[in-house]
Amino acid sequence: MSFWSAMVAIVAIIAFANVRMNRDRRHGERGPIVDHDPAYTASLEREVADLRKRLEVLERIATDEGETRRLSREIESLRDR
C-alpha cells in the first residue's frame, strides 16, 4: 500500500467517524427528536393508563389462587359444552 493510498484510507475513516458522531449527537440516545402533537400525546397517555388497568386485572387473576381455580373450572366447563 502506498503512502497516498494509506492517507486516503485514513481520511475516509476519519470522515466516516465524524459523520457518525454528528448524527448520533443530533439524534440523541433515543432516536430523532420529533415534536409530537399534544392531542396524540394525550391519546397515548390514555392508552397507557388503560393498559395499566388491564395489567392490574390480569395480575389479580394470576395471583388470587382461589379465584384462579374458579376461573379455570369455568373455562373448562365452557370448553365441555
N, C-alpha and C. Protein backbone atom coordinates (compact mmCIF):
# COMPACT_ATOMS: atom_id res chain seq x y z
N MET A 1 0.85 -1.16 0.00
CA MET A 1 0.00 0.00 0.00
C MET A 1 0.91 1.23 0.00
N SER A 2 0.62 2.12 -0.90
CA SER A 2 1.46 3.32 -0.99
C SER A 2 1.07 4.33 0.09
N PHE A 3 1.92 5.31 0.25
CA PHE A 3 1.69 6.35 1.24
C PHE A 3 0.37 7.07 0.97
N TRP A 4 0.11 7.42 -0.26
CA TRP A 4 -1.11 8.17 -0.59
C TRP A 4 -2.37 7.32 -0.45
N SER A 5 -2.27 6.04 -0.73
CA SER A 5 -3.43 5.14 -0.53
C SER A 5 -3.77 5.07 0.96
N ALA A 6 -2.72 4.99 1.78
CA ALA A 6 -2.94 4.94 3.21
C ALA A 6 -3.56 6.24 3.70
N MET A 7 -3.10 7.37 3.17
CA MET A 7 -3.66 8.67 3.57
C MET A 7 -5.14 8.78 3.20
N VAL A 8 -5.49 8.31 2.01
CA VAL A 8 -6.89 8.33 1.57
C VAL A 8 -7.74 7.46 2.49
N ALA A 9 -7.23 6.29 2.85
CA ALA A 9 -7.96 5.39 3.74
C ALA A 9 -8.15 6.03 5.11
N ILE A 10 -7.12 6.66 5.64
CA ILE A 10 -7.21 7.30 6.95
C ILE A 10 -8.21 8.45 6.92
N VAL A 11 -8.16 9.27 5.89
CA VAL A 11 -9.10 10.39 5.77
C VAL A 11 -10.53 9.87 5.66
N ALA A 12 -10.74 8.78 4.90
CA ALA A 12 -12.07 8.21 4.76
C ALA A 12 -12.60 7.70 6.10
N ILE A 13 -11.74 7.04 6.87
CA ILE A 13 -12.15 6.52 8.18
C ILE A 13 -12.50 7.68 9.12
N ILE A 14 -11.68 8.73 9.12
CA ILE A 14 -11.95 9.88 9.98
C ILE A 14 -13.24 10.57 9.57
N ALA A 15 -13.48 10.71 8.27
CA ALA A 15 -14.70 11.36 7.80
C ALA A 15 -15.93 10.53 8.19
N PHE A 16 -15.84 9.22 8.04
CA PHE A 16 -16.95 8.34 8.41
C PHE A 16 -17.25 8.45 9.91
N ALA A 17 -16.21 8.44 10.73
CA ALA A 17 -16.39 8.55 12.18
C ALA A 17 -16.99 9.90 12.54
N ASN A 18 -16.57 10.95 11.87
CA ASN A 18 -17.09 12.28 12.13
C ASN A 18 -18.58 12.38 11.78
N VAL A 19 -18.95 11.81 10.66
CA VAL A 19 -20.36 11.81 10.25
C VAL A 19 -21.20 11.05 11.27
N ARG A 20 -20.73 9.90 11.72
CA ARG A 20 -21.47 9.10 12.71
C ARG A 20 -21.63 9.85 14.03
N MET A 21 -20.56 10.49 14.49
CA MET A 21 -20.63 11.23 15.75
C MET A 21 -21.61 12.39 15.66
N ASN A 22 -21.60 13.10 14.54
CA ASN A 22 -22.53 14.22 14.37
C ASN A 22 -23.97 13.73 14.32
N ARG A 23 -24.21 12.65 13.62
CA ARG A 23 -25.56 12.11 13.53
C ARG A 23 -26.04 11.65 14.90
N ASP A 24 -25.18 10.95 15.64
CA ASP A 24 -25.57 10.49 16.97
C ASP A 24 -25.82 11.66 17.92
N ARG A 25 -25.02 12.68 17.83
CA ARG A 25 -25.18 13.85 18.69
C ARG A 25 -26.48 14.57 18.35
N ARG A 26 -26.82 14.65 17.07
CA ARG A 26 -28.02 15.35 16.64
C ARG A 26 -29.28 14.58 17.04
N HIS A 27 -29.23 13.25 16.93
CA HIS A 27 -30.41 12.44 17.22
C HIS A 27 -30.53 12.10 18.70
N GLY A 28 -29.47 12.16 19.43
CA GLY A 28 -29.52 11.80 20.84
C GLY A 28 -29.56 10.29 21.01
N GLU A 29 -29.68 9.86 22.24
CA GLU A 29 -29.67 8.42 22.52
C GLU A 29 -30.98 7.75 22.18
N ARG A 30 -32.07 8.50 22.18
CA ARG A 30 -33.39 7.89 21.99
C ARG A 30 -33.91 8.04 20.57
N GLY A 31 -33.08 8.36 19.64
CA GLY A 31 -33.53 8.49 18.26
C GLY A 31 -33.77 9.94 17.91
N PRO A 32 -34.32 10.18 16.74
CA PRO A 32 -34.52 11.56 16.29
C PRO A 32 -35.49 12.31 17.20
N ILE A 33 -35.23 13.59 17.37
CA ILE A 33 -36.11 14.43 18.18
C ILE A 33 -37.26 14.90 17.29
N VAL A 34 -38.48 14.56 17.72
CA VAL A 34 -39.65 14.89 16.93
C VAL A 34 -40.66 15.58 17.83
N ASP A 35 -41.22 16.67 17.36
CA ASP A 35 -42.28 17.35 18.11
C ASP A 35 -43.60 16.66 17.80
N HIS A 36 -44.22 16.09 18.84
CA HIS A 36 -45.48 15.39 18.65
C HIS A 36 -46.65 16.33 18.92
N ASP A 37 -47.74 15.97 18.34
CA ASP A 37 -48.99 16.69 18.54
C ASP A 37 -49.46 16.45 19.98
N PRO A 38 -49.85 17.48 20.70
CA PRO A 38 -50.31 17.30 22.09
C PRO A 38 -51.52 16.37 22.19
N ALA A 39 -52.40 16.40 21.21
CA ALA A 39 -53.56 15.51 21.23
C ALA A 39 -53.11 14.05 21.08
N TYR A 40 -52.11 13.83 20.25
CA TYR A 40 -51.58 12.48 20.06
C TYR A 40 -50.93 11.99 21.36
N THR A 41 -50.19 12.87 22.01
CA THR A 41 -49.54 12.51 23.27
C THR A 41 -50.59 12.18 24.32
N ALA A 42 -51.65 12.95 24.39
CA ALA A 42 -52.72 12.71 25.36
C ALA A 42 -53.40 11.37 25.09
N SER A 43 -53.62 11.05 23.82
CA SER A 43 -54.26 9.77 23.49
C SER A 43 -53.35 8.61 23.87
N LEU A 44 -52.04 8.77 23.69
CA LEU A 44 -51.10 7.72 24.09
C LEU A 44 -51.09 7.55 25.61
N GLU A 45 -51.18 8.65 26.35
CA GLU A 45 -51.21 8.57 27.81
C GLU A 45 -52.47 7.87 28.29
N ARG A 46 -53.61 8.15 27.63
CA ARG A 46 -54.86 7.45 27.99
C ARG A 46 -54.73 5.96 27.71
N GLU A 47 -54.14 5.62 26.57
CA GLU A 47 -53.98 4.21 26.23
C GLU A 47 -53.08 3.49 27.22
N VAL A 48 -52.01 4.14 27.64
CA VAL A 48 -51.12 3.55 28.64
C VAL A 48 -51.86 3.34 29.95
N ALA A 49 -52.67 4.31 30.36
CA ALA A 49 -53.45 4.17 31.59
C ALA A 49 -54.41 2.99 31.49
N ASP A 50 -55.09 2.85 30.34
CA ASP A 50 -55.99 1.71 30.14
C ASP A 50 -55.25 0.39 30.19
N LEU A 51 -54.07 0.35 29.58
CA LEU A 51 -53.29 -0.89 29.60
C LEU A 51 -52.81 -1.22 31.00
N ARG A 52 -52.49 -0.22 31.79
CA ARG A 52 -52.09 -0.47 33.18
C ARG A 52 -53.25 -1.06 33.97
N LYS A 53 -54.47 -0.56 33.75
CA LYS A 53 -55.63 -1.12 34.43
C LYS A 53 -55.84 -2.58 34.04
N ARG A 54 -55.70 -2.87 32.76
CA ARG A 54 -55.84 -4.26 32.30
C ARG A 54 -54.79 -5.15 32.93
N LEU A 55 -53.57 -4.64 33.01
CA LEU A 55 -52.48 -5.41 33.60
C LEU A 55 -52.76 -5.70 35.07
N GLU A 56 -53.30 -4.72 35.79
CA GLU A 56 -53.65 -4.93 37.19
C GLU A 56 -54.67 -6.05 37.33
N VAL A 57 -55.67 -6.07 36.44
CA VAL A 57 -56.68 -7.13 36.48
C VAL A 57 -56.04 -8.48 36.20
N LEU A 58 -55.16 -8.55 35.21
CA LEU A 58 -54.50 -9.82 34.90
C LEU A 58 -53.61 -10.28 36.05
N GLU A 59 -52.92 -9.35 36.69
CA GLU A 59 -52.10 -9.72 37.85
C GLU A 59 -52.97 -10.24 38.99
N ARG A 60 -54.10 -9.61 39.20
CA ARG A 60 -55.01 -10.05 40.26
C ARG A 60 -55.53 -11.45 39.96
N ILE A 61 -55.86 -11.71 38.71
CA ILE A 61 -56.35 -13.03 38.33
C ILE A 61 -55.25 -14.06 38.53
N ALA A 62 -54.02 -13.71 38.16
CA ALA A 62 -52.91 -14.66 38.27
C ALA A 62 -52.51 -14.92 39.71
N THR A 63 -52.67 -13.93 40.59
CA THR A 63 -52.19 -14.11 41.96
C THR A 63 -53.26 -14.57 42.93
N ASP A 64 -54.53 -14.37 42.65
CA ASP A 64 -55.59 -14.85 43.53
C ASP A 64 -55.79 -16.33 43.26
N GLU A 65 -55.29 -17.16 44.18
CA GLU A 65 -55.27 -18.60 43.94
C GLU A 65 -56.67 -19.19 43.86
N GLY A 66 -57.54 -18.87 44.80
CA GLY A 66 -58.89 -19.41 44.77
C GLY A 66 -59.64 -18.94 43.54
N GLU A 67 -59.46 -17.69 43.21
CA GLU A 67 -60.12 -17.11 42.03
C GLU A 67 -59.59 -17.79 40.75
N THR A 68 -58.32 -18.09 40.74
CA THR A 68 -57.73 -18.74 39.56
C THR A 68 -58.33 -20.12 39.35
N ARG A 69 -58.49 -20.86 40.43
CA ARG A 69 -59.10 -22.19 40.31
C ARG A 69 -60.53 -22.10 39.81
N ARG A 70 -61.28 -21.14 40.36
CA ARG A 70 -62.67 -20.97 39.93
C ARG A 70 -62.73 -20.60 38.46
N LEU A 71 -61.83 -19.70 38.06
CA LEU A 71 -61.79 -19.29 36.66
C LEU A 71 -61.42 -20.46 35.76
N SER A 72 -60.47 -21.29 36.19
CA SER A 72 -60.08 -22.46 35.41
C SER A 72 -61.26 -23.42 35.24
N ARG A 73 -62.03 -23.63 36.32
CA ARG A 73 -63.19 -24.51 36.22
C ARG A 73 -64.24 -23.95 35.26
N GLU A 74 -64.45 -22.64 35.31
CA GLU A 74 -65.41 -22.02 34.40
C GLU A 74 -64.96 -22.17 32.95
N ILE A 75 -63.68 -21.98 32.69
CA ILE A 75 -63.18 -22.12 31.33
C ILE A 75 -63.33 -23.55 30.86
N GLU A 76 -63.00 -24.50 31.72
CA GLU A 76 -63.15 -25.92 31.35
C GLU A 76 -64.61 -26.27 31.11
N SER A 77 -65.52 -25.74 31.90
CA SER A 77 -66.93 -26.03 31.69
C SER A 77 -67.41 -25.45 30.37
N LEU A 78 -66.87 -24.30 29.98
CA LEU A 78 -67.25 -23.74 28.70
C LEU A 78 -66.68 -24.55 27.54
N ARG A 79 -65.52 -25.14 27.74
CA ARG A 79 -64.93 -25.97 26.67
C ARG A 79 -65.72 -27.26 26.49
N ASP A 80 -66.28 -27.79 27.57
CA ASP A 80 -67.01 -29.05 27.51
C ASP A 80 -68.33 -28.90 26.77
N ARG A 81 -68.86 -27.72 26.64
CA ARG A 81 -70.16 -27.52 26.01
C ARG A 81 -70.13 -27.79 24.54
